[in-house]
C-alpha cells in the first residue's frame, strides 16, 4: 500500500510489489489512479524574503490516509502523540515543464525520499 500512497509516479510499482495481494482485481490500476486523484491537493506557494516563489504540496488528504492506515494496522496507537517529520528531497530530472526550484535550477524538482 505504501508504494502508491507515498506518491509514486509509476503504477507498475504497485503491480510489482503488491501483485500477490491484488491479482484478482484486473482494474486495480484504474482504481489506484482514481484514488490518487481524489487525494490530490492544490500547491501552496511560499514567497521568500528575497521575493522568490516556491511551490510545495502538503498533501493533507494523503497524509491523513497514511496515518489512518497505520492506526488501523496497529502500527500507531490512537491514545498516543506522534510527531511526523516531512522533508523535501530534490532530484535532477529532465522535464519540459520544469520551473525554477531549489537554487534557481530549472531541472531540480522536489520528490519524496
PDB file of N, CA and C in Angstrom:
ATOM      1  N   UNK A   1       0.822  -1.191   0.000  1.00  0.00           N
ATOM      2  CA  UNK A   1       0.000   0.000   0.000  1.00  0.00           C
ATOM      3  C   UNK A   1       0.863   1.250   0.000  1.00  0.00           C
ATOM      4  N   UNK A   2       1.931   1.276   0.735  1.00  0.00           N
ATOM      5  CA  UNK A   2       2.786   2.454   0.841  1.00  0.00           C
ATOM      6  C   UNK A   2       3.356   2.861  -0.507  1.00  0.00           C
ATOM      7  N   UNK A   3       3.571   1.912  -1.394  1.00  0.00           N
ATOM      8  CA  UNK A   3       4.206   2.200  -2.674  1.00  0.00           C
ATOM      9  C   UNK A   3       3.444   3.264  -3.443  1.00  0.00           C
ATOM     10  N   UNK A   4       2.121   3.160  -3.535  1.00  0.00           N
ATOM     11  CA  UNK A   4       1.385   4.161  -4.306  1.00  0.00           C
ATOM     12  C   UNK A   4       0.890   5.300  -3.446  1.00  0.00           C
ATOM     13  N   UNK A   5       0.666   5.081  -2.162  1.00  0.00           N
ATOM     14  CA  UNK A   5       0.193   6.173  -1.311  1.00  0.00           C
ATOM     15  C   UNK A   5       1.290   7.205  -1.103  1.00  0.00           C
ATOM     16  N   UNK A   6       2.540   6.780  -1.145  1.00  0.00           N
ATOM     17  CA  UNK A   6       3.634   7.721  -0.925  1.00  0.00           C
ATOM     18  C   UNK A   6       3.845   8.656  -2.105  1.00  0.00           C
ATOM     19  N   UNK A   7       3.108   8.471  -3.169  1.00  0.00           N
ATOM     20  CA  UNK A   7       3.195   9.394  -4.290  1.00  0.00           C
ATOM     21  C   UNK A   7       3.989   8.874  -5.464  1.00  0.00           C
ATOM     22  N   UNK A   8       4.166   7.585  -5.542  1.00  0.00           N
ATOM     23  CA  UNK A   8       4.900   7.018  -6.666  1.00  0.00           C
ATOM     24  C   UNK A   8       4.244   7.429  -7.978  1.00  0.00           C
ATOM     25  N   UNK A   9       5.044   7.743  -8.967  1.00  0.00           N
ATOM     26  CA  UNK A   9       4.518   8.153 -10.261  1.00  0.00           C
ATOM     27  C   UNK A   9       4.237   6.963 -11.168  1.00  0.00           C
ATOM     28  N   UNK A  10       4.657   5.791 -10.766  1.00  0.00           N
ATOM     29  CA  UNK A  10       4.567   4.639 -11.638  1.00  0.00           C
ATOM     30  C   UNK A  10       3.653   3.586 -11.043  1.00  0.00           C
ATOM     31  N   UNK A  11       2.533   3.346 -11.692  1.00  0.00           N
ATOM     32  CA  UNK A  11       1.584   2.349 -11.221  1.00  0.00           C
ATOM     33  C   UNK A  11       2.201   0.954 -11.297  1.00  0.00           C
ATOM     34  N   UNK A  12       3.180   0.751 -12.182  1.00  0.00           N
ATOM     35  CA  UNK A  12       3.851  -0.546 -12.260  1.00  0.00           C
ATOM     36  C   UNK A  12       4.470  -0.922 -10.924  1.00  0.00           C
ATOM     37  N   UNK A  13       4.908   0.054 -10.151  1.00  0.00           N
ATOM     38  CA  UNK A  13       5.471  -0.231  -8.829  1.00  0.00           C
ATOM     39  C   UNK A  13       4.467  -0.974  -7.967  1.00  0.00           C
ATOM     40  N   UNK A  14       3.202  -0.576  -8.039  1.00  0.00           N
ATOM     41  CA  UNK A  14       2.158  -1.234  -7.267  1.00  0.00           C
ATOM     42  C   UNK A  14       2.023  -2.678  -7.708  1.00  0.00           C
ATOM     43  N   UNK A  15       1.982  -2.888  -9.007  1.00  0.00           N
ATOM     44  CA  UNK A  15       1.848  -4.238  -9.528  1.00  0.00           C
ATOM     45  C   UNK A  15       3.018  -5.107  -9.088  1.00  0.00           C
ATOM     46  N   UNK A  16       4.219  -4.573  -9.178  1.00  0.00           N
ATOM     47  CA  UNK A  16       5.407  -5.345  -8.840  1.00  0.00           C
ATOM     48  C   UNK A  16       5.427  -5.735  -7.366  1.00  0.00           C
ATOM     49  N   UNK A  17       5.066  -4.803  -6.485  1.00  0.00           N
ATOM     50  CA  UNK A  17       5.188  -5.051  -5.055  1.00  0.00           C
ATOM     51  C   UNK A  17       3.959  -5.703  -4.431  1.00  0.00           C
ATOM     52  N   UNK A  18       2.803  -5.517  -5.022  1.00  0.00           N
ATOM     53  CA  UNK A  18       1.575  -5.985  -4.380  1.00  0.00           C
ATOM     54  C   UNK A  18       0.795  -7.003  -5.199  1.00  0.00           C
ATOM     55  N   UNK A  19       1.356  -7.505  -6.286  1.00  0.00           N
ATOM     56  CA  UNK A  19       0.604  -8.385  -7.174  1.00  0.00           C
ATOM     57  C   UNK A  19       0.061  -9.609  -6.452  1.00  0.00           C
ATOM     58  N   UNK A  20       0.800 -10.188  -5.528  1.00  0.00           N
ATOM     59  CA  UNK A  20       0.306 -11.397  -4.863  1.00  0.00           C
ATOM     60  C   UNK A  20      -0.960 -11.113  -4.052  1.00  0.00           C
ATOM     61  N   UNK A  21      -1.176  -9.859  -3.673  1.00  0.00           N
ATOM     62  CA  UNK A  21      -2.376  -9.500  -2.922  1.00  0.00           C
ATOM     63  C   UNK A  21      -3.497  -8.995  -3.822  1.00  0.00           C
ATOM     64  N   UNK A  22      -3.161  -8.461  -4.984  1.00  0.00           N
ATOM     65  CA  UNK A  22      -4.136  -7.764  -5.812  1.00  0.00           C
ATOM     66  C   UNK A  22      -4.419  -8.435  -7.154  1.00  0.00           C
ATOM     67  N   UNK A  23      -3.913  -9.633  -7.378  1.00  0.00           N
ATOM     68  CA  UNK A  23      -4.019 -10.238  -8.701  1.00  0.00           C
ATOM     69  C   UNK A  23      -5.458 -10.546  -9.123  1.00  0.00           C
ATOM     70  N   UNK A  24      -6.398 -10.591  -8.204  1.00  0.00           N
ATOM     71  CA  UNK A  24      -7.792 -10.868  -8.551  1.00  0.00           C
ATOM     72  C   UNK A  24      -8.544  -9.633  -9.036  1.00  0.00           C
ATOM     73  N   UNK A  25      -7.887  -8.484  -9.045  1.00  0.00           N
ATOM     74  CA  UNK A  25      -8.534  -7.228  -9.415  1.00  0.00           C
ATOM     75  C   UNK A  25      -7.919  -6.682 -10.704  1.00  0.00           C
ATOM     76  N   UNK A  26      -8.452  -7.041 -11.872  1.00  0.00           N
ATOM     77  CA  UNK A  26      -7.842  -6.608 -13.139  1.00  0.00           C
ATOM     78  C   UNK A  26      -7.866  -5.102 -13.361  1.00  0.00           C
ATOM     79  N   UNK A  27      -8.775  -4.384 -12.716  1.00  0.00           N
ATOM     80  CA  UNK A  27      -8.847  -2.933 -12.940  1.00  0.00           C
ATOM     81  C   UNK A  27      -8.138  -2.153 -11.843  1.00  0.00           C
ATOM     82  N   UNK A  28      -7.209  -2.773 -11.153  1.00  0.00           N
ATOM     83  CA  UNK A  28      -6.576  -2.125  -9.998  1.00  0.00           C
ATOM     84  C   UNK A  28      -5.848  -0.842 -10.394  1.00  0.00           C
ATOM     85  N   UNK A  29      -5.210  -0.789 -11.558  1.00  0.00           N
ATOM     86  CA  UNK A  29      -4.503   0.434 -11.958  1.00  0.00           C
ATOM     87  C   UNK A  29      -5.472   1.610 -12.057  1.00  0.00           C
ATOM     88  N   UNK A  30      -6.631   1.369 -12.624  1.00  0.00           N
ATOM     89  CA  UNK A  30      -7.638   2.417 -12.739  1.00  0.00           C
ATOM     90  C   UNK A  30      -8.096   2.867 -11.365  1.00  0.00           C
ATOM     91  N   UNK A  31      -8.320   1.923 -10.477  1.00  0.00           N
ATOM     92  CA  UNK A  31      -8.769   2.260  -9.119  1.00  0.00           C
ATOM     93  C   UNK A  31      -7.723   3.086  -8.386  1.00  0.00           C
ATOM     94  N   UNK A  32      -6.464   2.727  -8.534  1.00  0.00           N
ATOM     95  CA  UNK A  32      -5.395   3.450  -7.845  1.00  0.00           C
ATOM     96  C   UNK A  32      -5.275   4.863  -8.398  1.00  0.00           C
ATOM     97  N   UNK A  33      -5.313   5.001  -9.717  1.00  0.00           N
ATOM     98  CA  UNK A  33      -5.246   6.340 -10.299  1.00  0.00           C
ATOM     99  C   UNK A  33      -6.420   7.190  -9.835  1.00  0.00           C
ATOM    100  N   UNK A  34      -7.605   6.609  -9.755  1.00  0.00           N
ATOM    101  CA  UNK A  34      -8.787   7.337  -9.300  1.00  0.00           C
ATOM    102  C   UNK A  34      -8.608   7.767  -7.847  1.00  0.00           C
ATOM    103  N   UNK A  35      -8.109   6.866  -7.009  1.00  0.00           N
ATOM    104  CA  UNK A  35      -7.894   7.194  -5.597  1.00  0.00           C
ATOM    105  C   UNK A  35      -6.849   8.289  -5.451  1.00  0.00           C
ATOM    106  N   UNK A  36      -5.800   8.234  -6.270  1.00  0.00           N
ATOM    107  CA  UNK A  36      -4.761   9.256  -6.174  1.00  0.00           C
ATOM    108  C   UNK A  36      -5.310  10.618  -6.583  1.00  0.00           C
ATOM    109  N   UNK A  37      -6.192  10.658  -7.593  1.00  0.00           N
ATOM    110  CA  UNK A  37      -6.802  11.924  -7.995  1.00  0.00           C
ATOM    111  C   UNK A  37      -7.681  12.477  -6.882  1.00  0.00           C
ATOM    112  N   UNK A  38      -8.385  11.602  -6.164  1.00  0.00           N
ATOM    113  CA  UNK A  38      -9.226  12.046  -5.050  1.00  0.00           C
ATOM    114  C   UNK A  38      -8.393  12.632  -3.917  1.00  0.00           C
ATOM    115  N   UNK A  39      -7.161  12.171  -3.765  1.00  0.00           N
ATOM    116  CA  UNK A  39      -6.292  12.636  -2.686  1.00  0.00           C
ATOM    117  C   UNK A  39      -5.489  13.871  -3.069  1.00  0.00           C
ATOM    118  N   UNK A  40      -5.603  14.316  -4.300  1.00  0.00           N
ATOM    119  CA  UNK A  40      -4.814  15.459  -4.766  1.00  0.00           C
ATOM    120  C   UNK A  40      -5.196  16.740  -4.030  1.00  0.00           C
ATOM    121  N   UNK A  41      -4.201  17.582  -3.786  1.00  0.00           N
ATOM    122  CA  UNK A  41      -4.403  18.878  -3.127  1.00  0.00           C
ATOM    123  C   UNK A  41      -3.739  19.956  -3.984  1.00  0.00           C
ATOM    124  N   UNK A  42      -4.208  21.172  -3.828  1.00  0.00           N
ATOM    125  CA  UNK A  42      -3.577  22.285  -4.527  1.00  0.00           C
ATOM    126  C   UNK A  42      -2.215  22.591  -3.913  1.00  0.00           C
ATOM    127  N   UNK A  43      -1.307  23.085  -4.737  1.00  0.00           N
ATOM    128  CA  UNK A  43       0.003  23.502  -4.243  1.00  0.00           C
ATOM    129  C   UNK A  43      -0.121  24.768  -3.409  1.00  0.00           C
ATOM    130  N   UNK A  44       0.791  24.929  -2.472  1.00  0.00           N
ATOM    131  CA  UNK A  44       0.903  26.147  -1.684  1.00  0.00           C
ATOM    132  C   UNK A  44       2.131  26.886  -2.187  1.00  0.00           C
ATOM    133  N   UNK A  45       2.016  28.177  -2.381  1.00  0.00           N
ATOM    134  CA  UNK A  45       3.145  28.978  -2.849  1.00  0.00           C
ATOM    135  C   UNK A  45       3.704  29.777  -1.689  1.00  0.00           C
ATOM    136  N   UNK A  46       5.008  29.634  -1.474  1.00  0.00           N
ATOM    137  CA  UNK A  46       5.711  30.376  -0.428  1.00  0.00           C
ATOM    138  C   UNK A  46       6.596  31.410  -1.110  1.00  0.00           C
ATOM    139  N   UNK A  47       6.534  32.645  -0.649  1.00  0.00           N
ATOM    140  CA  UNK A  47       7.393  33.701  -1.175  1.00  0.00           C
ATOM    141  C   UNK A  47       8.431  34.050  -0.122  1.00  0.00           C
ATOM    142  N   UNK A  48       9.700  33.909  -0.478  1.00  0.00           N
ATOM    143  CA  UNK A  48      10.783  34.190   0.462  1.00  0.00           C
ATOM    144  C   UNK A  48      10.957  35.696   0.641  1.00  0.00           C
ATOM    145  N   UNK A  49      11.796  36.069   1.587  1.00  0.00           N
ATOM    146  CA  UNK A  49      12.049  37.489   1.838  1.00  0.00           C
ATOM    147  C   UNK A  49      12.736  38.160   0.655  1.00  0.00           C
ATOM    148  N   UNK A  50      13.379  37.368  -0.203  1.00  0.00           N
ATOM    149  CA  UNK A  50      14.022  37.931  -1.397  1.00  0.00           C
ATOM    150  C   UNK A  50      13.064  38.014  -2.577  1.00  0.00           C
ATOM    151  N   UNK A  51      11.832  37.557  -2.385  1.00  0.00           N
ATOM    152  CA  UNK A  51      10.837  37.640  -3.437  1.00  0.00           C
ATOM    153  C   UNK A  51      10.719  36.410  -4.318  1.00  0.00           C
ATOM    154  N   UNK A  52      11.535  35.384  -4.076  1.00  0.00           N
ATOM    155  CA  UNK A  52      11.438  34.159  -4.871  1.00  0.00           C
ATOM    156  C   UNK A  52      10.240  33.345  -4.396  1.00  0.00           C
ATOM    157  N   UNK A  53       9.574  32.715  -5.353  1.00  0.00           N
ATOM    158  CA  UNK A  53       8.415  31.899  -5.022  1.00  0.00           C
ATOM    159  C   UNK A  53       8.750  30.420  -5.154  1.00  0.00           C
ATOM    160  N   UNK A  54       8.275  29.645  -4.184  1.00  0.00           N
ATOM    161  CA  UNK A  54       8.474  28.203  -4.162  1.00  0.00           C
ATOM    162  C   UNK A  54       7.119  27.539  -3.996  1.00  0.00           C
ATOM    163  N   UNK A  55       6.837  26.534  -4.801  1.00  0.00           N
ATOM    164  CA  UNK A  55       5.600  25.771  -4.682  1.00  0.00           C
ATOM    165  C   UNK A  55       5.877  24.472  -3.949  1.00  0.00           C
ATOM    166  N   UNK A  56       4.984  24.101  -3.054  1.00  0.00           N
ATOM    167  CA  UNK A  56       5.080  22.809  -2.397  1.00  0.00           C
ATOM    168  C   UNK A  56       3.677  22.302  -2.122  1.00  0.00           C
ATOM    169  N   UNK A  57       3.576  21.033  -1.803  1.00  0.00           N
ATOM    170  CA  UNK A  57       2.284  20.413  -1.572  1.00  0.00           C
ATOM    171  C   UNK A  57       2.340  19.644  -0.267  1.00  0.00           C
ATOM    172  N   UNK A  58       1.494  20.024   0.678  1.00  0.00           N
ATOM    173  CA  UNK A  58       1.466  19.378   1.993  1.00  0.00           C
ATOM    174  C   UNK A  58       0.771  18.025   1.919  1.00  0.00           C
ATOM    175  N   UNK A  59      -0.134  17.844   0.986  1.00  0.00           N
ATOM    176  CA  UNK A  59      -0.846  16.578   0.764  1.00  0.00           C
ATOM    177  C   UNK A  59      -1.575  16.107   2.016  1.00  0.00           C
ATOM    178  N   UNK A  60      -2.396  16.977   2.586  1.00  0.00           N
ATOM    179  CA  UNK A  60      -3.122  16.653   3.815  1.00  0.00           C
ATOM    180  C   UNK A  60      -3.982  15.401   3.689  1.00  0.00           C
ATOM    181  N   UNK A  61      -4.722  15.273   2.599  1.00  0.00           N
ATOM    182  CA  UNK A  61      -5.605  14.116   2.437  1.00  0.00           C
ATOM    183  C   UNK A  61      -4.804  12.818   2.398  1.00  0.00           C
ATOM    184  N   UNK A  62      -3.671  12.830   1.685  1.00  0.00           N
ATOM    185  CA  UNK A  62      -2.840  11.639   1.609  1.00  0.00           C
ATOM    186  C   UNK A  62      -2.200  11.331   2.963  1.00  0.00           C
ATOM    187  N   UNK A  63      -1.737  12.362   3.662  1.00  0.00           N
ATOM    188  CA  UNK A  63      -1.150  12.157   4.981  1.00  0.00           C
ATOM    189  C   UNK A  63      -2.173  11.585   5.953  1.00  0.00           C
ATOM    190  N   UNK A  64      -3.409  12.095   5.910  1.00  0.00           N
ATOM    191  CA  UNK A  64      -4.464  11.553   6.774  1.00  0.00           C
ATOM    192  C   UNK A  64      -4.740  10.093   6.459  1.00  0.00           C
ATOM    193  N   UNK A  65      -4.749   9.750   5.176  1.00  0.00           N
ATOM    194  CA  UNK A  65      -4.953   8.360   4.788  1.00  0.00           C
ATOM    195  C   UNK A  65      -3.832   7.475   5.323  1.00  0.00           C
ATOM    196  N   UNK A  66      -2.593   7.933   5.205  1.00  0.00           N
ATOM    197  CA  UNK A  66      -1.458   7.160   5.722  1.00  0.00           C
ATOM    198  C   UNK A  66      -1.561   6.944   7.225  1.00  0.00           C
ATOM    199  N   UNK A  67      -1.883   8.005   7.969  1.00  0.00           N
ATOM    200  CA  UNK A  67      -1.995   7.888   9.428  1.00  0.00           C
ATOM    201  C   UNK A  67      -3.144   6.952   9.792  1.00  0.00           C
ATOM    202  N   UNK A  68      -4.280   7.088   9.127  1.00  0.00           N
ATOM    203  CA  UNK A  68      -5.412   6.199   9.410  1.00  0.00           C
ATOM    204  C   UNK A  68      -5.083   4.746   9.086  1.00  0.00           C
ATOM    205  N   UNK A  69      -4.320   4.518   8.011  1.00  0.00           N
ATOM    206  CA  UNK A  69      -3.905   3.158   7.669  1.00  0.00           C
ATOM    207  C   UNK A  69      -2.988   2.588   8.747  1.00  0.00           C
ATOM    208  N   UNK A  70      -2.059   3.405   9.239  1.00  0.00           N
ATOM    209  CA  UNK A  70      -1.162   2.950  10.308  1.00  0.00           C
ATOM    210  C   UNK A  70      -1.928   2.678  11.595  1.00  0.00           C
ATOM    211  N   UNK A  71      -2.930   3.488  11.891  1.00  0.00           N
ATOM    212  CA  UNK A  71      -3.771   3.256  13.072  1.00  0.00           C
ATOM    213  C   UNK A  71      -4.566   1.965  12.923  1.00  0.00           C
ATOM    214  N   UNK A  72      -5.149   1.750  11.758  1.00  0.00           N
ATOM    215  CA  UNK A  72      -5.970   0.549  11.560  1.00  0.00           C
ATOM    216  C   UNK A  72      -5.140  -0.727  11.589  1.00  0.00           C
ATOM    217  N   UNK A  73      -3.876  -0.641  11.203  1.00  0.00           N
ATOM    218  CA  UNK A  73      -2.989  -1.808  11.229  1.00  0.00           C
ATOM    219  C   UNK A  73      -2.317  -2.003  12.587  1.00  0.00           C
ATOM    220  N   UNK A  74      -2.559  -1.084  13.514  1.00  0.00           N
ATOM    221  CA  UNK A  74      -1.978  -1.216  14.844  1.00  0.00           C
ATOM    222  C   UNK A  74      -0.534  -0.757  14.945  1.00  0.00           C
ATOM    223  N   UNK A  75      -0.012  -0.133  13.901  1.00  0.00           N
ATOM    224  CA  UNK A  75       1.362   0.351  13.955  1.00  0.00           C
ATOM    225  C   UNK A  75       1.472   1.651  14.732  1.00  0.00           C
ATOM    226  N   UNK A  76       0.360   2.364  14.867  1.00  0.00           N
ATOM    227  CA  UNK A  76       0.275   3.539  15.734  1.00  0.00           C
ATOM    228  C   UNK A  76      -0.853   3.304  16.723  1.00  0.00           C
ATOM    229  N   UNK A  77      -0.725   3.854  17.908  1.00  0.00           N
ATOM    230  CA  UNK A  77      -1.765   3.757  18.934  1.00  0.00           C
ATOM    231  C   UNK A  77      -2.560   5.052  18.949  1.00  0.00           C
ATOM    232  N   UNK A  78      -3.872   4.957  19.025  1.00  0.00           N
ATOM    233  CA  UNK A  78      -4.722   6.147  18.950  1.00  0.00           C
ATOM    234  C   UNK A  78      -4.638   7.020  20.197  1.00  0.00           C
ATOM    235  N   UNK A  79      -4.150   6.503  21.298  1.00  0.00           N
ATOM    236  CA  UNK A  79      -4.090   7.284  22.537  1.00  0.00           C
ATOM    237  C   UNK A  79      -2.701   7.859  22.812  1.00  0.00           C
ATOM    238  N   UNK A  80      -1.847   7.927  21.794  1.00  0.00           N
ATOM    239  CA  UNK A  80      -0.500   8.465  21.965  1.00  0.00           C
ATOM    240  C   UNK A  80      -0.271   9.621  20.999  1.00  0.00           C
ATOM    241  N   UNK A  81       0.708  10.466  21.331  1.00  0.00           N
ATOM    242  CA  UNK A  81       1.068  11.574  20.447  1.00  0.00           C
ATOM    243  C   UNK A  81       2.255  11.176  19.584  1.00  0.00           C
ATOM    244  N   UNK A  82       2.228  11.623  18.334  1.00  0.00           N
ATOM    245  CA  UNK A  82       3.308  11.356  17.397  1.00  0.00           C
ATOM    246  C   UNK A  82       3.705  12.649  16.705  1.00  0.00           C
ATOM    247  N   UNK A  83       4.973  12.766  16.392  1.00  0.00           N
ATOM    248  CA  UNK A  83       5.473  13.905  15.634  1.00  0.00           C
ATOM    249  C   UNK A  83       5.980  13.369  14.299  1.00  0.00           C
ATOM    250  N   UNK A  84       5.397  13.856  13.209  1.00  0.00           N
ATOM    251  CA  UNK A  84       5.784  13.401  11.879  1.00  0.00           C
ATOM    252  C   UNK A  84       6.673  14.450  11.234  1.00  0.00           C
ATOM    253  N   UNK A  85       7.810  14.015  10.736  1.00  0.00           N
ATOM    254  CA  UNK A  85       8.773  14.912  10.114  1.00  0.00           C
ATOM    255  C   UNK A  85       8.673  14.763   8.599  1.00  0.00           C
ATOM    256  N   UNK A  86       8.589  15.877   7.918  1.00  0.00           N
ATOM    257  CA  UNK A  86       8.477  15.873   6.463  1.00  0.00           C
ATOM    258  C   UNK A  86       9.645  16.647   5.880  1.00  0.00           C
ATOM    259  N   UNK A  87      10.318  16.056   4.903  1.00  0.00           N
ATOM    260  CA  UNK A  87      11.452  16.717   4.257  1.00  0.00           C
ATOM    261  C   UNK A  87      11.309  16.586   2.752  1.00  0.00           C
ATOM    262  N   UNK A  88      11.771  17.594   2.048  1.00  0.00           N
ATOM    263  CA  UNK A  88      11.833  17.527   0.591  1.00  0.00           C
ATOM    264  C   UNK A  88      13.207  17.027   0.190  1.00  0.00           C
ATOM    265  N   UNK A  89      13.233  16.214  -0.826  1.00  0.00           N
ATOM    266  CA  UNK A  89      14.489  15.792  -1.428  1.00  0.00           C
ATOM    267  C   UNK A  89      14.437  16.266  -2.874  1.00  0.00           C
ATOM    268  N   UNK A  90      15.465  16.938  -3.323  1.00  0.00           N
ATOM    269  CA  UNK A  90      15.491  17.456  -4.683  1.00  0.00           C
ATOM    270  C   UNK A  90      16.314  16.528  -5.556  1.00  0.00           C
ATOM    271  N   UNK A  91      15.710  16.099  -6.650  1.00  0.00           N
ATOM    272  CA  UNK A  91      16.404  15.211  -7.572  1.00  0.00           C
ATOM    273  C   UNK A  91      16.407  15.852  -8.954  1.00  0.00           C
ATOM    274  N   UNK A  92      17.468  15.621  -9.695  1.00  0.00           N
ATOM    275  CA  UNK A  92      17.596  16.209 -11.026  1.00  0.00           C
ATOM    276  C   UNK A  92      16.863  15.337 -12.039  1.00  0.00           C
ATOM    277  N   UNK A  93      16.023  15.973 -12.838  1.00  0.00           N
ATOM    278  CA  UNK A  93      15.301  15.263 -13.889  1.00  0.00           C
ATOM    279  C   UNK A  93      15.240  16.153 -15.119  1.00  0.00           C
ATOM    280  N   UNK A  94      14.875  15.578 -16.237  1.00  0.00           N
ATOM    281  CA  UNK A  94      14.690  16.357 -17.456  1.00  0.00           C
ATOM    282  C   UNK A  94      13.197  16.446 -17.723  1.00  0.00           C
ATOM    283  N   UNK A  95      12.633  17.624 -17.481  1.00  0.00           N
ATOM    284  CA  UNK A  95      11.205  17.843 -17.690  1.00  0.00           C
ATOM    285  C   UNK A  95      11.018  19.073 -18.546  1.00  0.00           C
ATOM    286  N   UNK A  96      10.155  18.975 -19.534  1.00  0.00           N
ATOM    287  CA  UNK A  96       9.932  20.120 -20.416  1.00  0.00           C
ATOM    288  C   UNK A  96       9.192  21.244 -19.712  1.00  0.00           C
ATOM    289  N   UNK A  97       8.424  20.928 -18.664  1.00  0.00           N
ATOM    290  CA  UNK A  97       7.628  21.953 -17.996  1.00  0.00           C
ATOM    291  C   UNK A  97       8.185  22.321 -16.621  1.00  0.00           C
ATOM    292  N   UNK A  98       9.456  21.995 -16.358  1.00  0.00           N
ATOM    293  CA  UNK A  98      10.049  22.276 -15.051  1.00  0.00           C
ATOM    294  C   UNK A  98      10.143  23.775 -14.812  1.00  0.00           C
ATOM    295  N   UNK A  99       9.889  24.153 -13.588  1.00  0.00           N
ATOM    296  CA  UNK A  99      10.006  25.554 -13.192  1.00  0.00           C
ATOM    297  C   UNK A  99      11.197  25.680 -12.251  1.00  0.00           C
ATOM    298  N   UNK A 100      11.761  26.871 -12.118  1.00  0.00           N
ATOM    299  CA  UNK A 100      12.889  27.017 -11.205  1.00  0.00           C
ATOM    300  C   UNK A 100      12.487  26.604  -9.799  1.00  0.00           C
ATOM    301  N   UNK A 101      13.328  25.853  -9.163  1.00  0.00           N
ATOM    302  CA  UNK A 101      13.036  25.412  -7.799  1.00  0.00           C
ATOM    303  C   UNK A 101      14.262  25.686  -6.938  1.00  0.00           C
ATOM    304  N   UNK A 102      14.817  24.655  -6.396  1.00  0.00           N
ATOM    305  CA  UNK A 102      15.937  24.758  -5.478  1.00  0.00           C
ATOM    306  C   UNK A 102      17.149  25.397  -6.155  1.00  0.00           C
ATOM    307  N   UNK A 103      17.653  26.463  -5.591  1.00  0.00           N
ATOM    308  CA  UNK A 103      18.842  27.170  -6.085  1.00  0.00           C
ATOM    309  C   UNK A 103      18.710  27.622  -7.538  1.00  0.00           C
ATOM    310  N   UNK A 104      17.508  27.971  -7.936  1.00  0.00           N
ATOM    311  CA  UNK A 104      17.210  28.516  -9.267  1.00  0.00           C
ATOM    312  C   UNK A 104      17.553  27.583 -10.423  1.00  0.00           C
ATOM    313  N   UNK A 105      17.689  26.311 -10.164  1.00  0.00           N
ATOM    314  CA  UNK A 105      17.947  25.366 -11.245  1.00  0.00           C
ATOM    315  C   UNK A 105      16.632  25.041 -11.938  1.00  0.00           C
ATOM    316  N   UNK A 106      16.650  24.919 -13.247  1.00  0.00           N
ATOM    317  CA  UNK A 106      15.424  24.663 -13.999  1.00  0.00           C
ATOM    318  C   UNK A 106      15.008  23.208 -13.963  1.00  0.00           C
ATOM    319  N   UNK A 107      15.905  22.303 -13.618  1.00  0.00           N
ATOM    320  CA  UNK A 107      15.523  20.898 -13.660  1.00  0.00           C
ATOM    321  C   UNK A 107      15.685  20.203 -12.312  1.00  0.00           C
ATOM    322  N   UNK A 108      15.511  20.936 -11.247  1.00  0.00           N
ATOM    323  CA  UNK A 108      15.526  20.339  -9.915  1.00  0.00           C
ATOM    324  C   UNK A 108      14.121  20.474  -9.353  1.00  0.00           C
ATOM    325  N   UNK A 109      13.474  19.365  -9.068  1.00  0.00           N
ATOM    326  CA  UNK A 109      12.112  19.408  -8.550  1.00  0.00           C
ATOM    327  C   UNK A 109      12.033  18.575  -7.275  1.00  0.00           C
ATOM    328  N   UNK A 110      11.120  18.910  -6.363  1.00  0.00           N
ATOM    329  CA  UNK A 110      11.023  18.156  -5.119  1.00  0.00           C
ATOM    330  C   UNK A 110      10.434  16.770  -5.342  1.00  0.00           C
ATOM    331  N   UNK A 111      10.881  15.833  -4.551  1.00  0.00           N
ATOM    332  CA  UNK A 111      10.339  14.477  -4.570  1.00  0.00           C
ATOM    333  C   UNK A 111      10.410  13.918  -3.161  1.00  0.00           C
ATOM    334  N   UNK A 112       9.564  12.977  -2.867  1.00  0.00           N
ATOM    335  CA  UNK A 112       9.602  12.346  -1.552  1.00  0.00           C
ATOM    336  C   UNK A 112      10.795  11.418  -1.475  1.00  0.00           C
ATOM    337  N   UNK A 113      11.427  11.326  -0.304  1.00  0.00           N
ATOM    338  CA  UNK A 113      12.575  10.420  -0.173  1.00  0.00           C
ATOM    339  C   UNK A 113      12.174   8.972  -0.272  1.00  0.00           C
TER     340      UNK A 113
END
